[in-house]
Amino acid sequence: MSKKETAIFAGGCFWCMVKPFDEQPGIIAVTAGYTGGHVPNPTYEEVCSHQTGHTEAVEITFDPEVISYEDLLQVYWQQTDPTDAMGQFQDRGDSYRPVIFTNSAIQRESALASKKALAASGRFTAPIVTQIEDAKPFYPAEEYHQDFYKKDPTRFELEEMQRQAFKEKNWSK
């Protein structure tokens, strides 16, 4: 029987955060949802109101014997603009902020080390502002948000265009 762990990452629109993790070996499930706020069981409309404190995020269930948390962090960094504190690409506001939510002291140490390494790499000239916070309750988003890239590939590709251009510019080196 395989082991299971979870990781929670926020990096803008959760639609765009599912596919990159879903495609990795060792991933058991990727769930789009909301976390970090003060309202229990928020709806999409409530989160969009910017009154809940929640951020769109993905919860990744993974087998650490196949893919490590450190590997997931590398995938995460390559999906976000770590220099933009208040949104990602066309998505603006606190519900789209980049955050690594850690579930343990070990995850926190790994996240801090990877952030420090990214900052030292010189890949970005602006400071790395992605926050690292302790995980709070994670609330799965409504069903129509789950696996959106499979349900509506055309709309997903429109959402993904700016992100893809940024990735190519900053990570293809």
N, C-alpha and C. Protein backbone atom coordinates (compact mmCIF):
# COMPACT_ATOMS: atom_id res chain seq x y z
N MET A 1 0.84 -1.19 0.00
CA MET A 1 0.00 0.00 0.00
C MET A 1 0.88 1.24 0.00
N SER A 2 0.54 2.18 -0.86
CA SER A 2 1.35 3.39 -0.96
C SER A 2 1.03 4.36 0.17
N LYS A 3 2.02 5.17 0.50
CA LYS A 3 1.83 6.21 1.49
C LYS A 3 1.14 7.39 0.83
N LYS A 4 0.51 8.21 1.64
CA LYS A 4 -0.15 9.41 1.12
C LYS A 4 0.25 10.60 1.97
N GLU A 5 0.53 11.69 1.28
CA GLU A 5 0.75 12.98 1.93
C GLU A 5 -0.01 14.02 1.12
N THR A 6 -0.17 15.20 1.70
CA THR A 6 -0.82 16.28 0.97
C THR A 6 0.05 17.53 0.95
N ALA A 7 -0.10 18.28 -0.11
CA ALA A 7 0.55 19.58 -0.27
C ALA A 7 -0.52 20.55 -0.73
N ILE A 8 -0.42 21.80 -0.30
CA ILE A 8 -1.39 22.81 -0.71
C ILE A 8 -0.64 24.01 -1.26
N PHE A 9 -0.98 24.36 -2.52
CA PHE A 9 -0.32 25.48 -3.20
C PHE A 9 -1.37 26.42 -3.78
N ALA A 10 -1.13 27.71 -3.63
CA ALA A 10 -1.95 28.73 -4.27
C ALA A 10 -1.07 29.48 -5.26
N GLY A 11 -1.59 29.65 -6.47
CA GLY A 11 -0.81 30.32 -7.50
C GLY A 11 -1.69 30.93 -8.56
N GLY A 12 -2.64 31.74 -8.15
CA GLY A 12 -3.57 32.32 -9.09
C GLY A 12 -4.76 31.41 -9.31
N CYS A 13 -5.33 31.50 -10.47
CA CYS A 13 -6.52 30.71 -10.81
C CYS A 13 -6.25 29.22 -10.60
N PHE A 14 -7.08 28.58 -9.80
CA PHE A 14 -6.83 27.16 -9.53
C PHE A 14 -7.02 26.29 -10.76
N TRP A 15 -7.77 26.77 -11.75
CA TRP A 15 -7.92 26.00 -12.98
C TRP A 15 -6.55 25.70 -13.59
N CYS A 16 -5.67 26.71 -13.55
CA CYS A 16 -4.35 26.58 -14.18
C CYS A 16 -3.35 25.83 -13.31
N MET A 17 -3.67 25.59 -12.07
CA MET A 17 -2.75 24.92 -11.17
C MET A 17 -2.97 23.41 -11.12
N VAL A 18 -4.07 22.92 -11.63
CA VAL A 18 -4.37 21.48 -11.53
C VAL A 18 -3.53 20.66 -12.51
N LYS A 19 -3.57 21.02 -13.77
CA LYS A 19 -2.96 20.19 -14.81
C LYS A 19 -1.47 19.91 -14.59
N PRO A 20 -0.64 20.91 -14.26
CA PRO A 20 0.78 20.62 -14.10
C PRO A 20 1.08 19.56 -13.04
N PHE A 21 0.29 19.53 -11.99
CA PHE A 21 0.49 18.52 -10.94
C PHE A 21 -0.16 17.20 -11.33
N ASP A 22 -1.32 17.29 -11.95
CA ASP A 22 -2.06 16.09 -12.37
C ASP A 22 -1.22 15.21 -13.29
N GLU A 23 -0.32 15.82 -14.04
CA GLU A 23 0.49 15.11 -15.03
C GLU A 23 1.73 14.44 -14.43
N GLN A 24 2.02 14.66 -13.16
CA GLN A 24 3.23 14.12 -12.54
C GLN A 24 3.02 12.69 -12.04
N PRO A 25 4.04 11.85 -12.13
CA PRO A 25 3.94 10.51 -11.55
C PRO A 25 3.83 10.62 -10.03
N GLY A 26 3.10 9.72 -9.43
CA GLY A 26 2.97 9.71 -7.98
C GLY A 26 1.85 10.58 -7.44
N ILE A 27 1.14 11.26 -8.32
CA ILE A 27 0.03 12.10 -7.88
C ILE A 27 -1.22 11.23 -7.79
N ILE A 28 -1.86 11.26 -6.65
CA ILE A 28 -3.07 10.47 -6.41
C ILE A 28 -4.30 11.30 -6.76
N ALA A 29 -4.30 12.58 -6.36
CA ALA A 29 -5.44 13.45 -6.65
C ALA A 29 -5.00 14.91 -6.56
N VAL A 30 -5.65 15.76 -7.36
CA VAL A 30 -5.46 17.21 -7.29
C VAL A 30 -6.86 17.81 -7.20
N THR A 31 -7.10 18.53 -6.13
CA THR A 31 -8.42 19.11 -5.88
C THR A 31 -8.32 20.63 -5.85
N ALA A 32 -9.13 21.30 -6.65
CA ALA A 32 -9.22 22.75 -6.62
C ALA A 32 -10.08 23.16 -5.44
N GLY A 33 -9.68 24.23 -4.76
CA GLY A 33 -10.47 24.66 -3.61
C GLY A 33 -10.01 25.99 -3.05
N TYR A 34 -10.40 26.21 -1.80
CA TYR A 34 -10.17 27.48 -1.13
C TYR A 34 -9.55 27.23 0.24
N THR A 35 -8.62 28.10 0.63
CA THR A 35 -8.00 27.96 1.94
C THR A 35 -7.41 29.29 2.39
N GLY A 36 -7.07 29.35 3.66
CA GLY A 36 -6.38 30.51 4.21
C GLY A 36 -7.28 31.58 4.79
N GLY A 37 -8.59 31.40 4.68
CA GLY A 37 -9.51 32.44 5.13
C GLY A 37 -10.19 32.12 6.44
N HIS A 38 -11.24 32.88 6.73
CA HIS A 38 -11.94 32.78 8.00
C HIS A 38 -13.40 32.35 7.86
N VAL A 39 -13.87 32.08 6.66
CA VAL A 39 -15.27 31.68 6.46
C VAL A 39 -15.30 30.18 6.18
N PRO A 40 -16.03 29.40 6.98
CA PRO A 40 -16.10 27.97 6.71
C PRO A 40 -16.92 27.67 5.45
N ASN A 41 -16.49 26.67 4.70
CA ASN A 41 -17.20 26.21 3.51
C ASN A 41 -17.60 27.33 2.56
N PRO A 42 -16.66 28.15 2.12
CA PRO A 42 -17.03 29.27 1.25
C PRO A 42 -17.43 28.79 -0.14
N THR A 43 -18.22 29.60 -0.80
CA THR A 43 -18.57 29.35 -2.20
C THR A 43 -17.63 30.17 -3.08
N TYR A 44 -17.63 29.85 -4.35
CA TYR A 44 -16.82 30.60 -5.31
C TYR A 44 -17.20 32.08 -5.28
N GLU A 45 -18.49 32.37 -5.25
CA GLU A 45 -18.96 33.75 -5.24
C GLU A 45 -18.48 34.48 -3.99
N GLU A 46 -18.49 33.81 -2.84
CA GLU A 46 -18.02 34.43 -1.61
C GLU A 46 -16.52 34.73 -1.69
N VAL A 47 -15.74 33.79 -2.21
CA VAL A 47 -14.30 34.00 -2.33
C VAL A 47 -14.03 35.15 -3.29
N CYS A 48 -14.76 35.23 -4.39
CA CYS A 48 -14.59 36.32 -5.37
C CYS A 48 -14.95 37.68 -4.79
N SER A 49 -15.72 37.71 -3.72
CA SER A 49 -16.09 38.99 -3.09
C SER A 49 -14.92 39.59 -2.31
N HIS A 50 -13.87 38.82 -2.09
CA HIS A 50 -12.69 39.24 -1.34
C HIS A 50 -13.02 39.57 0.12
N GLN A 51 -14.07 38.95 0.65
CA GLN A 51 -14.46 39.19 2.04
C GLN A 51 -14.19 37.98 2.94
N THR A 52 -13.72 36.88 2.36
CA THR A 52 -13.55 35.65 3.14
C THR A 52 -12.12 35.41 3.60
N GLY A 53 -11.16 36.11 2.99
CA GLY A 53 -9.76 35.88 3.29
C GLY A 53 -9.18 34.64 2.60
N HIS A 54 -10.02 33.92 1.86
CA HIS A 54 -9.56 32.70 1.20
C HIS A 54 -8.81 32.99 -0.08
N THR A 55 -7.97 32.04 -0.43
CA THR A 55 -7.19 32.06 -1.65
C THR A 55 -7.56 30.82 -2.46
N GLU A 56 -7.67 30.96 -3.78
CA GLU A 56 -7.85 29.78 -4.62
C GLU A 56 -6.57 28.96 -4.54
N ALA A 57 -6.71 27.66 -4.36
CA ALA A 57 -5.54 26.80 -4.18
C ALA A 57 -5.84 25.40 -4.71
N VAL A 58 -4.79 24.58 -4.73
CA VAL A 58 -4.96 23.17 -5.05
C VAL A 58 -4.39 22.35 -3.91
N GLU A 59 -5.12 21.30 -3.58
CA GLU A 59 -4.64 20.32 -2.60
C GLU A 59 -4.21 19.09 -3.38
N ILE A 60 -2.97 18.72 -3.20
CA ILE A 60 -2.39 17.61 -3.95
C ILE A 60 -2.15 16.45 -3.00
N THR A 61 -2.75 15.32 -3.31
CA THR A 61 -2.49 14.10 -2.57
C THR A 61 -1.47 13.32 -3.39
N PHE A 62 -0.36 12.95 -2.75
CA PHE A 62 0.72 12.32 -3.50
C PHE A 62 1.37 11.20 -2.71
N ASP A 63 2.05 10.34 -3.45
CA ASP A 63 2.81 9.23 -2.86
C ASP A 63 4.26 9.69 -2.75
N PRO A 64 4.76 9.96 -1.53
CA PRO A 64 6.11 10.48 -1.37
C PRO A 64 7.20 9.47 -1.76
N GLU A 65 6.83 8.22 -1.95
CA GLU A 65 7.80 7.24 -2.41
C GLU A 65 8.01 7.33 -3.93
N VAL A 66 7.11 8.06 -4.62
CA VAL A 66 7.21 8.23 -6.07
C VAL A 66 7.63 9.65 -6.43
N ILE A 67 7.05 10.63 -5.75
CA ILE A 67 7.38 12.04 -5.99
C ILE A 67 7.53 12.72 -4.64
N SER A 68 8.61 13.46 -4.48
CA SER A 68 8.88 14.10 -3.20
C SER A 68 8.18 15.46 -3.11
N TYR A 69 8.05 15.95 -1.90
CA TYR A 69 7.51 17.30 -1.69
C TYR A 69 8.41 18.32 -2.36
N GLU A 70 9.73 18.11 -2.33
CA GLU A 70 10.67 19.01 -2.98
C GLU A 70 10.44 19.05 -4.49
N ASP A 71 10.11 17.90 -5.08
CA ASP A 71 9.78 17.87 -6.52
C ASP A 71 8.52 18.67 -6.79
N LEU A 72 7.54 18.55 -5.91
CA LEU A 72 6.30 19.33 -6.07
C LEU A 72 6.58 20.83 -5.97
N LEU A 73 7.49 21.20 -5.08
CA LEU A 73 7.86 22.62 -4.98
C LEU A 73 8.45 23.12 -6.30
N GLN A 74 9.27 22.32 -6.95
CA GLN A 74 9.85 22.73 -8.23
C GLN A 74 8.77 22.90 -9.29
N VAL A 75 7.79 22.01 -9.30
CA VAL A 75 6.67 22.17 -10.23
C VAL A 75 5.92 23.46 -9.90
N TYR A 76 5.67 23.69 -8.62
CA TYR A 76 4.95 24.88 -8.18
C TYR A 76 5.64 26.17 -8.67
N TRP A 77 6.93 26.30 -8.38
CA TRP A 77 7.63 27.54 -8.74
C TRP A 77 7.52 27.81 -10.23
N GLN A 78 7.49 26.78 -11.04
CA GLN A 78 7.45 26.97 -12.49
C GLN A 78 6.04 27.28 -13.02
N GLN A 79 5.05 27.31 -12.15
CA GLN A 79 3.68 27.63 -12.56
C GLN A 79 3.27 29.04 -12.17
N THR A 80 4.08 29.72 -11.37
CA THR A 80 3.68 31.00 -10.81
C THR A 80 4.69 32.10 -11.12
N ASP A 81 4.27 33.34 -10.91
CA ASP A 81 5.19 34.46 -10.90
C ASP A 81 5.47 34.76 -9.43
N PRO A 82 6.59 34.28 -8.91
CA PRO A 82 6.86 34.43 -7.48
C PRO A 82 7.21 35.86 -7.07
N THR A 83 7.24 36.78 -8.02
CA THR A 83 7.54 38.18 -7.73
C THR A 83 6.29 39.05 -7.65
N ASP A 84 5.12 38.45 -7.79
CA ASP A 84 3.85 39.20 -7.80
C ASP A 84 3.02 38.77 -6.60
N ALA A 85 2.95 39.62 -5.59
CA ALA A 85 2.29 39.27 -4.33
C ALA A 85 0.77 39.32 -4.38
N MET A 86 0.19 40.07 -5.30
CA MET A 86 -1.26 40.28 -5.24
C MET A 86 -1.99 39.77 -6.47
N GLY A 87 -1.60 38.63 -6.94
CA GLY A 87 -2.30 38.02 -8.05
C GLY A 87 -1.32 37.29 -8.94
N GLN A 88 -1.86 36.69 -9.96
CA GLN A 88 -1.05 35.95 -10.90
C GLN A 88 -1.59 36.20 -12.29
N PHE A 89 -0.73 36.82 -13.11
CA PHE A 89 -1.05 37.06 -14.51
C PHE A 89 -2.32 37.90 -14.61
N GLN A 90 -3.35 37.46 -15.32
CA GLN A 90 -4.55 38.30 -15.47
C GLN A 90 -5.44 38.27 -14.23
N ASP A 91 -5.18 37.38 -13.30
CA ASP A 91 -6.01 37.25 -12.09
C ASP A 91 -5.42 38.13 -10.99
N ARG A 92 -6.20 39.10 -10.52
CA ARG A 92 -5.71 40.06 -9.56
C ARG A 92 -6.49 39.97 -8.26
N GLY A 93 -5.84 40.29 -7.16
CA GLY A 93 -6.49 40.34 -5.87
C GLY A 93 -5.98 39.27 -4.92
N ASP A 94 -6.35 39.44 -3.65
CA ASP A 94 -5.83 38.56 -2.62
C ASP A 94 -6.26 37.10 -2.77
N SER A 95 -7.36 36.85 -3.46
CA SER A 95 -7.79 35.46 -3.63
C SER A 95 -6.94 34.73 -4.67
N TYR A 96 -6.03 35.45 -5.31
CA TYR A 96 -5.14 34.85 -6.32
C TYR A 96 -3.67 34.95 -5.91
N ARG A 97 -3.39 35.30 -4.69
CA ARG A 97 -2.00 35.49 -4.26
C ARG A 97 -1.24 34.17 -4.23
N PRO A 98 0.07 34.21 -4.45
CA PRO A 98 0.86 32.98 -4.41
C PRO A 98 1.25 32.62 -2.97
N VAL A 99 0.88 31.42 -2.56
CA VAL A 99 1.18 30.96 -1.19
C VAL A 99 1.48 29.47 -1.22
N ILE A 100 2.47 29.10 -0.46
CA ILE A 100 2.72 27.69 -0.17
C ILE A 100 2.20 27.47 1.24
N PHE A 101 1.16 26.65 1.37
CA PHE A 101 0.59 26.33 2.67
C PHE A 101 1.21 25.02 3.14
N THR A 102 1.89 25.05 4.27
CA THR A 102 2.62 23.87 4.73
C THR A 102 1.83 23.10 5.79
N ASN A 103 1.92 21.77 5.70
CA ASN A 103 1.21 20.88 6.60
C ASN A 103 2.07 20.34 7.75
N SER A 104 3.35 20.69 7.76
CA SER A 104 4.25 20.18 8.80
C SER A 104 5.49 21.05 8.86
N ALA A 105 6.26 20.85 9.93
CA ALA A 105 7.53 21.57 10.06
C ALA A 105 8.49 21.16 8.94
N ILE A 106 8.45 19.91 8.54
CA ILE A 106 9.33 19.44 7.46
C ILE A 106 8.96 20.13 6.15
N GLN A 107 7.66 20.23 5.84
CA GLN A 107 7.25 20.95 4.63
C GLN A 107 7.66 22.41 4.70
N ARG A 108 7.51 23.03 5.86
CA ARG A 108 7.88 24.44 6.03
C ARG A 108 9.37 24.63 5.75
N GLU A 109 10.20 23.77 6.32
CA GLU A 109 11.65 23.86 6.10
C GLU A 109 11.98 23.70 4.61
N SER A 110 11.35 22.73 3.96
CA SER A 110 11.59 22.51 2.53
C SER A 110 11.15 23.70 1.70
N ALA A 111 9.98 24.26 2.03
CA ALA A 111 9.47 25.42 1.29
C ALA A 111 10.38 26.63 1.47
N LEU A 112 10.81 26.88 2.70
CA LEU A 112 11.70 28.01 2.95
C LEU A 112 13.04 27.83 2.22
N ALA A 113 13.57 26.61 2.23
CA ALA A 113 14.84 26.34 1.55
C ALA A 113 14.69 26.53 0.04
N SER A 114 13.57 26.07 -0.52
CA SER A 114 13.39 26.21 -1.97
C SER A 114 13.19 27.67 -2.36
N LYS A 115 12.49 28.43 -1.52
CA LYS A 115 12.31 29.86 -1.79
C LYS A 115 13.66 30.59 -1.74
N LYS A 116 14.47 30.25 -0.74
CA LYS A 116 15.79 30.85 -0.61
C LYS A 116 16.67 30.50 -1.82
N ALA A 117 16.61 29.25 -2.24
CA ALA A 117 17.40 28.82 -3.41
C ALA A 117 16.96 29.54 -4.68
N LEU A 118 15.64 29.72 -4.83
CA LEU A 118 15.13 30.44 -6.01
C LEU A 118 15.61 31.89 -5.98
N ALA A 119 15.54 32.52 -4.82
CA ALA A 119 15.98 33.91 -4.69
C ALA A 119 17.47 34.03 -5.02
N ALA A 120 18.27 33.07 -4.58
CA ALA A 120 19.71 33.11 -4.81
C ALA A 120 20.09 32.75 -6.25
N SER A 121 19.17 32.15 -6.98
CA SER A 121 19.49 31.67 -8.33
C SER A 121 19.71 32.80 -9.34
N GLY A 122 19.17 33.99 -9.06
CA GLY A 122 19.28 35.09 -9.99
C GLY A 122 18.33 34.98 -11.18
N ARG A 123 17.44 34.01 -11.15
CA ARG A 123 16.49 33.83 -12.25
C ARG A 123 15.56 35.04 -12.37
N PHE A 124 15.22 35.65 -11.23
CA PHE A 124 14.34 36.82 -11.22
C PHE A 124 15.10 38.00 -10.62
N THR A 125 14.89 39.18 -11.17
CA THR A 125 15.56 40.37 -10.64
C THR A 125 14.76 40.99 -9.49
N ALA A 126 13.46 40.77 -9.46
CA ALA A 126 12.62 41.27 -8.37
C ALA A 126 12.64 40.26 -7.21
N PRO A 127 12.32 40.72 -6.00
CA PRO A 127 12.30 39.81 -4.85
C PRO A 127 11.24 38.71 -5.01
N ILE A 128 11.51 37.57 -4.42
CA ILE A 128 10.56 36.46 -4.37
C ILE A 128 9.61 36.76 -3.20
N VAL A 129 8.34 37.00 -3.50
CA VAL A 129 7.37 37.44 -2.49
C VAL A 129 6.33 36.38 -2.14
N THR A 130 6.41 35.22 -2.73
CA THR A 130 5.48 34.14 -2.40
C THR A 130 5.53 33.90 -0.90
N GLN A 131 4.36 33.84 -0.29
CA GLN A 131 4.27 33.61 1.15
C GLN A 131 4.33 32.12 1.47
N ILE A 132 4.83 31.81 2.65
CA ILE A 132 4.80 30.44 3.17
C ILE A 132 4.06 30.52 4.49
N GLU A 133 2.91 29.84 4.54
CA GLU A 133 2.03 29.91 5.70
C GLU A 133 1.64 28.52 6.15
N ASP A 134 1.29 28.40 7.42
CA ASP A 134 0.76 27.14 7.92
C ASP A 134 -0.58 26.87 7.26
N ALA A 135 -0.81 25.63 6.93
CA ALA A 135 -2.08 25.25 6.29
C ALA A 135 -3.24 25.49 7.25
N LYS A 136 -4.32 25.92 6.67
CA LYS A 136 -5.60 26.07 7.36
C LYS A 136 -6.56 25.08 6.70
N PRO A 137 -7.79 24.97 7.19
CA PRO A 137 -8.71 24.04 6.53
C PRO A 137 -8.83 24.33 5.03
N PHE A 138 -8.87 23.26 4.27
CA PHE A 138 -9.01 23.34 2.81
C PHE A 138 -10.42 22.93 2.45
N TYR A 139 -11.09 23.74 1.64
CA TYR A 139 -12.47 23.48 1.24
C TYR A 139 -12.51 23.24 -0.26
N PRO A 140 -12.88 22.04 -0.70
CA PRO A 140 -12.96 21.79 -2.14
C PRO A 140 -13.93 22.76 -2.82
N ALA A 141 -13.54 23.20 -3.99
CA ALA A 141 -14.40 24.07 -4.79
C ALA A 141 -15.55 23.26 -5.36
N GLU A 142 -16.51 23.97 -5.91
CA GLU A 142 -17.66 23.35 -6.54
C GLU A 142 -17.21 22.40 -7.65
N GLU A 143 -18.02 21.40 -7.94
CA GLU A 143 -17.66 20.36 -8.91
C GLU A 143 -17.29 20.92 -10.28
N TYR A 144 -17.95 21.96 -10.73
CA TYR A 144 -17.65 22.48 -12.06
C TYR A 144 -16.24 23.05 -12.16
N HIS A 145 -15.57 23.31 -11.03
CA HIS A 145 -14.19 23.79 -11.05
C HIS A 145 -13.17 22.64 -11.11
N GLN A 146 -13.60 21.44 -10.74
CA GLN A 146 -12.68 20.31 -10.68
C GLN A 146 -12.32 19.84 -12.09
N ASP A 147 -11.02 19.59 -12.31
CA ASP A 147 -10.52 19.12 -13.62
C ASP A 147 -11.00 20.00 -14.77
N PHE A 148 -11.03 21.31 -14.53
CA PHE A 148 -11.55 22.24 -15.53
C PHE A 148 -10.82 22.12 -16.86
N TYR A 149 -9.53 21.85 -16.82
CA TYR A 149 -8.76 21.77 -18.07
C TYR A 149 -9.25 20.63 -18.96
N LYS A 150 -9.88 19.63 -18.36
CA LYS A 150 -10.46 18.53 -19.14
C LYS A 150 -11.88 18.85 -19.60
N LYS A 151 -12.62 19.57 -18.78
CA LYS A 151 -14.02 19.87 -19.07
C LYS A 151 -14.21 20.94 -20.13
N ASP A 152 -13.33 21.95 -20.11
CA ASP A 152 -13.46 23.07 -21.04
C ASP A 152 -12.08 23.47 -21.53
N PRO A 153 -11.45 22.64 -22.38
CA PRO A 153 -10.07 22.90 -22.79
C PRO A 153 -9.87 24.23 -23.52
N THR A 154 -10.86 24.69 -24.25
CA THR A 154 -10.72 25.95 -24.97
C THR A 154 -10.62 27.11 -23.99
N ARG A 155 -11.52 27.17 -23.05
CA ARG A 155 -11.48 28.25 -22.05
C ARG A 155 -10.23 28.12 -21.17
N PHE A 156 -9.85 26.90 -20.84
CA PHE A 156 -8.63 26.69 -20.06
C PHE A 156 -7.42 27.26 -20.80
N GLU A 157 -7.31 27.00 -22.09
CA GLU A 157 -6.17 27.49 -22.86
C GLU A 157 -6.12 29.01 -22.88
N LEU A 158 -7.27 29.67 -22.93
CA LEU A 158 -7.31 31.13 -22.87
C LEU A 158 -6.76 31.63 -21.53
N GLU A 159 -7.16 30.97 -20.44
CA GLU A 159 -6.68 31.33 -19.11
C GLU A 159 -5.18 31.09 -19.00
N GLU A 160 -4.71 30.07 -19.64
CA GLU A 160 -3.32 29.61 -19.52
C GLU A 160 -2.34 30.39 -20.37
N MET A 161 -2.80 31.16 -21.36
CA MET A 161 -1.89 31.79 -22.33
C MET A 161 -0.84 32.70 -21.69
N GLN A 162 -1.23 33.62 -20.80
CA GLN A 162 -0.26 34.52 -20.18
C GLN A 162 0.71 33.73 -19.31
N ARG A 163 0.20 32.78 -18.60
CA ARG A 163 1.04 31.95 -17.72
C ARG A 163 2.08 31.20 -18.56
N GLN A 164 1.65 30.66 -19.69
CA GLN A 164 2.55 29.89 -20.55
C GLN A 164 3.67 30.77 -21.11
N ALA A 165 3.35 31.98 -21.52
CA ALA A 165 4.36 32.90 -22.04
C ALA A 165 5.38 33.23 -20.95
N PHE A 166 4.90 33.44 -19.73
CA PHE A 166 5.81 33.73 -18.60
C PHE A 166 6.71 32.53 -18.34
N LYS A 167 6.15 31.34 -18.34
CA LYS A 167 6.95 30.13 -18.10
C LYS A 167 8.03 29.98 -19.14
N GLU A 168 7.67 30.18 -20.39
CA GLU A 168 8.66 30.04 -21.47
C GLU A 168 9.78 31.06 -21.32
N LYS A 169 9.43 32.28 -20.97
CA LYS A 169 10.43 33.34 -20.82
C LYS A 169 11.37 33.06 -19.65
N ASN A 170 10.83 32.60 -18.53
CA ASN A 170 11.62 32.48 -17.31
C ASN A 170 12.16 31.10 -16.99
N TRP A 171 11.60 30.07 -17.57
CA TRP A 171 12.02 28.72 -17.20
C TRP A 171 12.59 27.91 -18.35
N SER A 172 12.61 28.44 -19.55
CA SER A 172 13.15 27.67 -20.67
C SER A 172 14.65 27.88 -20.81
N LYS A 173 15.23 28.68 -19.93
CA LYS A 173 16.68 28.97 -19.97
C LYS A 173 17.48 27.81 -19.44
